[in-house]
Amino acid sequence: MMSSITEPTRRRALAPAVASAAPLLVLTNYTVPMVTLPDTARALGAGPTGPVWILGAIALGLSSVLLVSGGLADDYGRKRVMVAGTGVLAAASVVAALATAVPVFVAARFAQGAASAAMLAGSLGLVGHAYPAGPERVRATGRYGAMIGLGTAVGPVLSGALAAVASWRAAYWLVGACAVALAAVSARVLEESRSPEPRRFDVPGVVLLSLAVAALVAGVTEGRLGWGRPVVVGALALAAVLGAAFVAAERRRPEPLLDLELFRRPAFLVATGGALVVGAAIVGLLSYLPSVLQQGRGLTPLETALLFGLWSTLSFVVALLSRHVRLATPARFALGLALSAAGFTGLLGLGTPGSMLPIVAGLVVSGAGSGLVNSSITQLAVESVPAHRVSMGSGANNTARYVGSSLGAAGVAAAVGQLGAHQGAAVAVAGCVVLTAATAVATLVSRT
C-alpha cells in the first residue's frame, strides 16, 4: 500500500524538473553551431548563402509552429506534444550529424526547430498547469527560465569542446542521445494535462500562420545578404498578405488558433511585445557575438564559447535566484531589461582591438539582466492568459521571441556587412541598447 502511494508522489515531485529539462535541451541545441559555423560550412561545402541558413534554419522551424504547438498542447495533451517533439528532435539530430550537404543539414535543423517548438509549448504548459498562481508558480517558472540561460551556456561550450577533441558533428550525436533519454523519462514521469475546453482544430489558421511566419523569417534571413533582392521583397510581401489573411480568418472563427481577444489584455501585450524585443535585442545580438569576436578580436571558437558561457552562466544563476527579488513580475522584467541595456554599453567596442575588460564587464551585467528577463517573461507568459490557455500563451510568447531573434540577427548582420566589424558592431549594439531601454520604460508605463 505504501509503495502505491509513494510512486505517484515521487513522479509528481520529479515532473517539474523533467519538464524544465526541455528548454535546457532546446537552447543547448539551438546554440550548438554558433561557434563551429566555419567548420560546419566548410564540411558541408556551403556557398555564400549557406552559413546564413545553417544558423537560421532552426529559428524558422521554431517560429513557424510554436503557436500551433501551443494550441495542440492545450487541446490534445501537453505531455503528448512534448514527448512527440522530443522524439522528432532525436531523429532530426541524427540526420544533422550525418549530413554531407547544406540542404540536408538545413532540413534537419528546420525539423529540430519544429520539434523544439512542441517541446517548449508542451513543457511550459505542463509547468503552468501544475502550479496555481502564487509563490510556487514563481519558483517553478524561475527554474524554467533558468534552464534557458543554462542551455545557452552549455551549447557553445559543449560544441566548441567537442569540435576541439572530435568533430563538429559530435554535438548533434549527443543532442540526439539526450533527446531519446528525455523522451523516455517524460513518458514515464509526466502526467497528462489538457484544456477542459478543447477546440476544433483550426486548419486554415494553422496553415496561414505557419506560412506567414515562415515567409517572414525566410525573408529576414535572406535579407542579411541584401534587402532589395526579389526573393527578400517577395517573401516579406507574402508574409504581410498571409498575416492579414490569418487575422481576417481568426476573426470569423468561433474557436480560433490564436484568440485575438488576448491582445486586449495589457499583460499579454507586455509579455508578447517584450518577448519580441528580448529576441531581437538580446538573442539576436548575442547569436552574432561569436562571429564578431572571432573576426574582430581573433579569438578561437573555444575562447569565444567560454566568454559566451560567462554571460549564460550568470543568466542561469540569476534566474534561479530571481524569486528573492521582491518586485512584481512586470517590474522585475523591466529591471532585467534595464540591466541588459546597461551591460550592452560595455560591448560598444566589440569589434575593435583593445582591452577585453569592458566587454567582460558588459557581459556580466547583461547576463544578470538576462536572468531576470528569462524568469519574469516566462511567468508573464503563463499569467497573461486564462488558465486553460497556458500553452497558447507560451506559444505566442516563444513565437515572438524567435521571430525577434531572426530580426535582431539580421539587423546585426546587415550593420556589420555594410559598415564593417568595427563600426557595424557598435551601431548594432547601440540600437540594442536603445530598444531594450525603451521597452523597460514602456513596461513600467503600462502598469500605471
Foldseek 3Di string as FASTA:
>chain_A
DVVVVVVLVVLLVCLLVLLLVLLLLLLLVLLQCLLVLVVLCVQQVHDPLLSLLLNQLLLLLQLLCLLVLLLCCQFPWLLVLQLVLLLQLLVLLVQLLPDRHSVSNSVSSSSNNNSSSSSQLSSLLLLLLSDDDDLVSLLSLLLSLLSNLNSNLNNLLVQVVCCVVPNSSVSSNVSSVVSVVSSVSSVVRDDIDHFPDRDDNDVLLSVLRSLLSSLLLVLLSVCLVPCPDPSNVVSNVSSVVSVVVNVVVQVPDPDHSADPCLVVFLLLCLLLVVLLLCQQQPLQLLSCLSVLCCQQVVDHSNVSSVLSSLLSNLLSVLSNVVSPVPDPLLLLLLQLLLQLLVLLVLCLQVRHDDDCVSNSSSSNSNSNSNNSNSSSSSVSLSVSDDSSSSSSSSSSNSSSNSSSSSNNNSQLSNLCVVPNSGNSSNVSSVVSSVSSNVSSVVSVVSVD
